[in-house]
Amino acid sequence: MTEAEQLLITAADLNKQAEIAEQLQKEAQLPAEVVRVLAHFIETCGRAVARAGSIKETGASEGLIEHAHDLARTHLGDLK
């Protein structure tokens, strides 16, 4: 199995968990380690933006960092 296939399968699994939780009108349950890894990803992207001055100045990472920013702003902002 390729790395891309592993990533796509994991994303599909997480989406399925979220879909089931939505249908049951419950919170999706994620292992603490998954939350920790996602938080680390968002933090790393935030630090890269802070160093660069803006998302547009992050170069090749711009698309990935934009996604992290969207996650933080749109999906996690209500947890502040």
N, C-alpha and C. Protein backbone atom coordinates (compact mmCIF):
# COMPACT_ATOMS: atom_id res chain seq x y z
N MET A 1 0.85 -1.18 0.00
CA MET A 1 0.00 0.00 0.00
C MET A 1 0.90 1.25 0.00
N THR A 2 0.55 2.20 -0.84
CA THR A 2 1.36 3.42 -0.92
C THR A 2 1.00 4.37 0.23
N GLU A 3 1.85 5.35 0.45
CA GLU A 3 1.59 6.37 1.48
C GLU A 3 0.30 7.12 1.17
N ALA A 4 0.09 7.44 -0.11
CA ALA A 4 -1.13 8.15 -0.50
C ALA A 4 -2.36 7.32 -0.18
N GLU A 5 -2.29 6.02 -0.46
CA GLU A 5 -3.43 5.15 -0.16
C GLU A 5 -3.71 5.10 1.35
N GLN A 6 -2.65 5.05 2.15
CA GLN A 6 -2.83 5.05 3.61
C GLN A 6 -3.52 6.34 4.07
N LEU A 7 -3.07 7.46 3.53
CA LEU A 7 -3.68 8.74 3.91
C LEU A 7 -5.14 8.80 3.50
N LEU A 8 -5.44 8.35 2.30
CA LEU A 8 -6.81 8.39 1.81
C LEU A 8 -7.73 7.44 2.60
N ILE A 9 -7.23 6.28 2.96
CA ILE A 9 -8.01 5.34 3.75
C ILE A 9 -8.28 5.91 5.14
N THR A 10 -7.26 6.50 5.75
CA THR A 10 -7.44 7.12 7.06
C THR A 10 -8.46 8.24 7.00
N ALA A 11 -8.36 9.08 5.99
CA ALA A 11 -9.33 10.18 5.83
C ALA A 11 -10.74 9.63 5.66
N ALA A 12 -10.88 8.58 4.87
CA ALA A 12 -12.20 7.97 4.66
C ALA A 12 -12.73 7.40 5.97
N ASP A 13 -11.88 6.76 6.77
CA ASP A 13 -12.30 6.21 8.06
C ASP A 13 -12.78 7.32 9.00
N LEU A 14 -12.02 8.41 9.06
CA LEU A 14 -12.42 9.53 9.93
C LEU A 14 -13.73 10.15 9.45
N ASN A 15 -13.87 10.29 8.14
CA ASN A 15 -15.13 10.83 7.60
C ASN A 15 -16.31 9.93 7.93
N LYS A 16 -16.10 8.62 7.87
CA LYS A 16 -17.17 7.67 8.19
C LYS A 16 -17.55 7.79 9.67
N GLN A 17 -16.55 7.90 10.55
CA GLN A 17 -16.82 8.08 11.98
C GLN A 17 -17.62 9.36 12.22
N ALA A 18 -17.25 10.43 11.54
CA ALA A 18 -17.96 11.70 11.69
C ALA A 18 -19.39 11.58 11.17
N GLU A 19 -19.57 10.89 10.06
CA GLU A 19 -20.90 10.71 9.47
C GLU A 19 -21.81 9.93 10.43
N ILE A 20 -21.29 8.86 11.00
CA ILE A 20 -22.07 8.06 11.95
C ILE A 20 -22.42 8.89 13.18
N ALA A 21 -21.45 9.64 13.70
CA ALA A 21 -21.70 10.47 14.87
C ALA A 21 -22.78 11.51 14.56
N GLU A 22 -22.72 12.09 13.37
CA GLU A 22 -23.73 13.07 12.96
C GLU A 22 -25.12 12.44 12.90
N GLN A 23 -25.20 11.26 12.31
CA GLN A 23 -26.49 10.56 12.19
C GLN A 23 -27.06 10.22 13.56
N LEU A 24 -26.19 9.87 14.50
CA LEU A 24 -26.63 9.54 15.86
C LEU A 24 -26.77 10.78 16.72
N GLN A 25 -26.44 11.94 16.15
CA GLN A 25 -26.47 13.22 16.86
C GLN A 25 -25.62 13.16 18.13
N LYS A 26 -24.42 12.61 17.96
CA LYS A 26 -23.46 12.49 19.05
C LYS A 26 -22.14 13.11 18.61
N GLU A 27 -21.30 13.38 19.59
CA GLU A 27 -19.96 13.86 19.30
C GLU A 27 -19.13 12.71 18.75
N ALA A 28 -18.30 13.00 17.78
CA ALA A 28 -17.38 11.98 17.27
C ALA A 28 -16.30 11.73 18.32
N GLN A 29 -16.01 10.49 18.55
CA GLN A 29 -14.99 10.11 19.53
C GLN A 29 -13.67 9.85 18.82
N LEU A 30 -12.66 10.59 19.17
CA LEU A 30 -11.33 10.38 18.59
C LEU A 30 -10.34 10.09 19.71
N PRO A 31 -9.40 9.20 19.46
CA PRO A 31 -8.37 8.95 20.46
C PRO A 31 -7.59 10.24 20.73
N ALA A 32 -7.16 10.39 21.96
CA ALA A 32 -6.41 11.59 22.35
C ALA A 32 -5.19 11.80 21.46
N GLU A 33 -4.55 10.73 21.04
CA GLU A 33 -3.36 10.85 20.20
C GLU A 33 -3.69 11.48 18.85
N VAL A 34 -4.86 11.18 18.30
CA VAL A 34 -5.27 11.78 17.03
C VAL A 34 -5.45 13.29 17.21
N VAL A 35 -6.10 13.67 18.29
CA VAL A 35 -6.29 15.09 18.59
C VAL A 35 -4.94 15.76 18.78
N ARG A 36 -4.03 15.10 19.48
CA ARG A 36 -2.70 15.65 19.73
C ARG A 36 -1.95 15.87 18.42
N VAL A 37 -2.03 14.92 17.51
CA VAL A 37 -1.33 15.04 16.22
C VAL A 37 -1.93 16.17 15.39
N LEU A 38 -3.25 16.26 15.36
CA LEU A 38 -3.90 17.36 14.63
C LEU A 38 -3.52 18.71 15.22
N ALA A 39 -3.50 18.78 16.55
CA ALA A 39 -3.11 20.03 17.22
C ALA A 39 -1.67 20.39 16.88
N HIS A 40 -0.78 19.41 16.86
CA HIS A 40 0.62 19.65 16.52
C HIS A 40 0.74 20.17 15.08
N PHE A 41 -0.02 19.58 14.17
CA PHE A 41 -0.02 20.02 12.78
C PHE A 41 -0.45 21.48 12.67
N ILE A 42 -1.54 21.83 13.34
CA ILE A 42 -2.05 23.21 13.28
C ILE A 42 -1.06 24.16 13.94
N GLU A 43 -0.47 23.76 15.06
CA GLU A 43 0.52 24.60 15.73
C GLU A 43 1.76 24.81 14.86
N THR A 44 2.24 23.75 14.24
CA THR A 44 3.41 23.85 13.36
C THR A 44 3.14 24.81 12.21
N CYS A 45 1.94 24.70 11.63
CA CYS A 45 1.57 25.59 10.53
C CYS A 45 1.47 27.03 11.04
N GLY A 46 0.92 27.21 12.23
CA GLY A 46 0.82 28.56 12.80
C GLY A 46 2.19 29.19 13.02
N ARG A 47 3.13 28.39 13.50
CA ARG A 47 4.49 28.91 13.72
C ARG A 47 5.16 29.26 12.39
N ALA A 48 4.92 28.47 11.36
CA ALA A 48 5.48 28.76 10.03
C ALA A 48 4.94 30.08 9.50
N VAL A 49 3.65 30.31 9.71
CA VAL A 49 3.04 31.58 9.27
C VAL A 49 3.61 32.74 10.08
N ALA A 50 3.78 32.54 11.37
CA ALA A 50 4.34 33.61 12.21
C ALA A 50 5.74 33.99 11.74
N ARG A 51 6.55 32.99 11.40
CA ARG A 51 7.92 33.26 10.91
C ARG A 51 7.90 33.96 9.56
N ALA A 52 7.00 33.51 8.69
CA ALA A 52 6.94 34.05 7.32
C ALA A 52 6.25 35.41 7.27
N GLY A 53 5.33 35.65 8.17
CA GLY A 53 4.62 36.92 8.18
C GLY A 53 3.20 36.82 7.63
N SER A 54 2.96 35.86 6.75
CA SER A 54 1.61 35.62 6.23
C SER A 54 1.59 34.26 5.55
N ILE A 55 0.39 33.73 5.35
CA ILE A 55 0.28 32.43 4.68
C ILE A 55 0.87 32.49 3.28
N LYS A 56 0.63 33.58 2.57
CA LYS A 56 1.12 33.72 1.19
C LYS A 56 2.64 33.67 1.11
N GLU A 57 3.32 34.02 2.20
CA GLU A 57 4.78 34.05 2.21
C GLU A 57 5.41 32.72 2.60
N THR A 58 4.59 31.67 2.81
CA THR A 58 5.14 30.39 3.25
C THR A 58 5.63 29.51 2.11
N GLY A 59 5.50 29.99 0.89
CA GLY A 59 6.05 29.28 -0.26
C GLY A 59 5.33 27.99 -0.58
N ALA A 60 6.11 26.93 -0.73
CA ALA A 60 5.56 25.65 -1.17
C ALA A 60 4.55 25.07 -0.19
N SER A 61 4.59 25.50 1.07
CA SER A 61 3.67 24.99 2.09
C SER A 61 2.35 25.75 2.13
N GLU A 62 2.19 26.74 1.29
CA GLU A 62 1.03 27.63 1.37
C GLU A 62 -0.31 26.87 1.35
N GLY A 63 -0.48 25.94 0.45
CA GLY A 63 -1.74 25.20 0.35
C GLY A 63 -2.04 24.41 1.60
N LEU A 64 -1.04 23.72 2.11
CA LEU A 64 -1.20 22.92 3.31
C LEU A 64 -1.52 23.80 4.52
N ILE A 65 -0.81 24.91 4.63
CA ILE A 65 -1.03 25.82 5.75
C ILE A 65 -2.39 26.48 5.65
N GLU A 66 -2.83 26.77 4.45
CA GLU A 66 -4.18 27.33 4.26
C GLU A 66 -5.23 26.35 4.78
N HIS A 67 -5.03 25.07 4.53
CA HIS A 67 -5.97 24.06 5.04
C HIS A 67 -5.95 24.02 6.56
N ALA A 68 -4.77 24.10 7.16
CA ALA A 68 -4.68 24.12 8.62
C ALA A 68 -5.40 25.34 9.18
N HIS A 69 -5.22 26.48 8.51
CA HIS A 69 -5.89 27.70 8.93
C HIS A 69 -7.40 27.55 8.83
N ASP A 70 -7.88 26.95 7.75
CA ASP A 70 -9.32 26.74 7.60
C ASP A 70 -9.86 25.81 8.68
N LEU A 71 -9.11 24.77 9.01
CA LEU A 71 -9.51 23.87 10.10
C LEU A 71 -9.65 24.65 11.40
N ALA A 72 -8.62 25.42 11.72
CA ALA A 72 -8.63 26.16 12.97
C ALA A 72 -9.74 27.19 13.02
N ARG A 73 -9.91 27.93 11.96
CA ARG A 73 -10.87 29.03 11.93
C ARG A 73 -12.31 28.53 11.83
N THR A 74 -12.55 27.61 10.95
CA THR A 74 -13.92 27.19 10.64
C THR A 74 -14.42 26.11 11.58
N HIS A 75 -13.62 25.08 11.81
CA HIS A 75 -14.11 23.92 12.53
C HIS A 75 -13.78 23.93 14.01
N LEU A 76 -12.71 24.58 14.40
CA LEU A 76 -12.29 24.54 15.80
C LEU A 76 -12.46 25.86 16.51
N GLY A 77 -12.81 26.89 15.79
CA GLY A 77 -12.94 28.22 16.38
C GLY A 77 -13.93 28.30 17.53
N ASP A 78 -14.96 27.46 17.49
CA ASP A 78 -15.97 27.51 18.54
C ASP A 78 -15.48 26.89 19.84
N LEU A 79 -14.28 26.30 19.85
CA LEU A 79 -13.74 25.71 21.06
C LEU A 79 -12.88 26.69 21.84
N LYS A 80 -12.72 27.90 21.33
CA LYS A 80 -11.88 28.91 21.99
C LYS A 80 -12.48 29.34 23.31
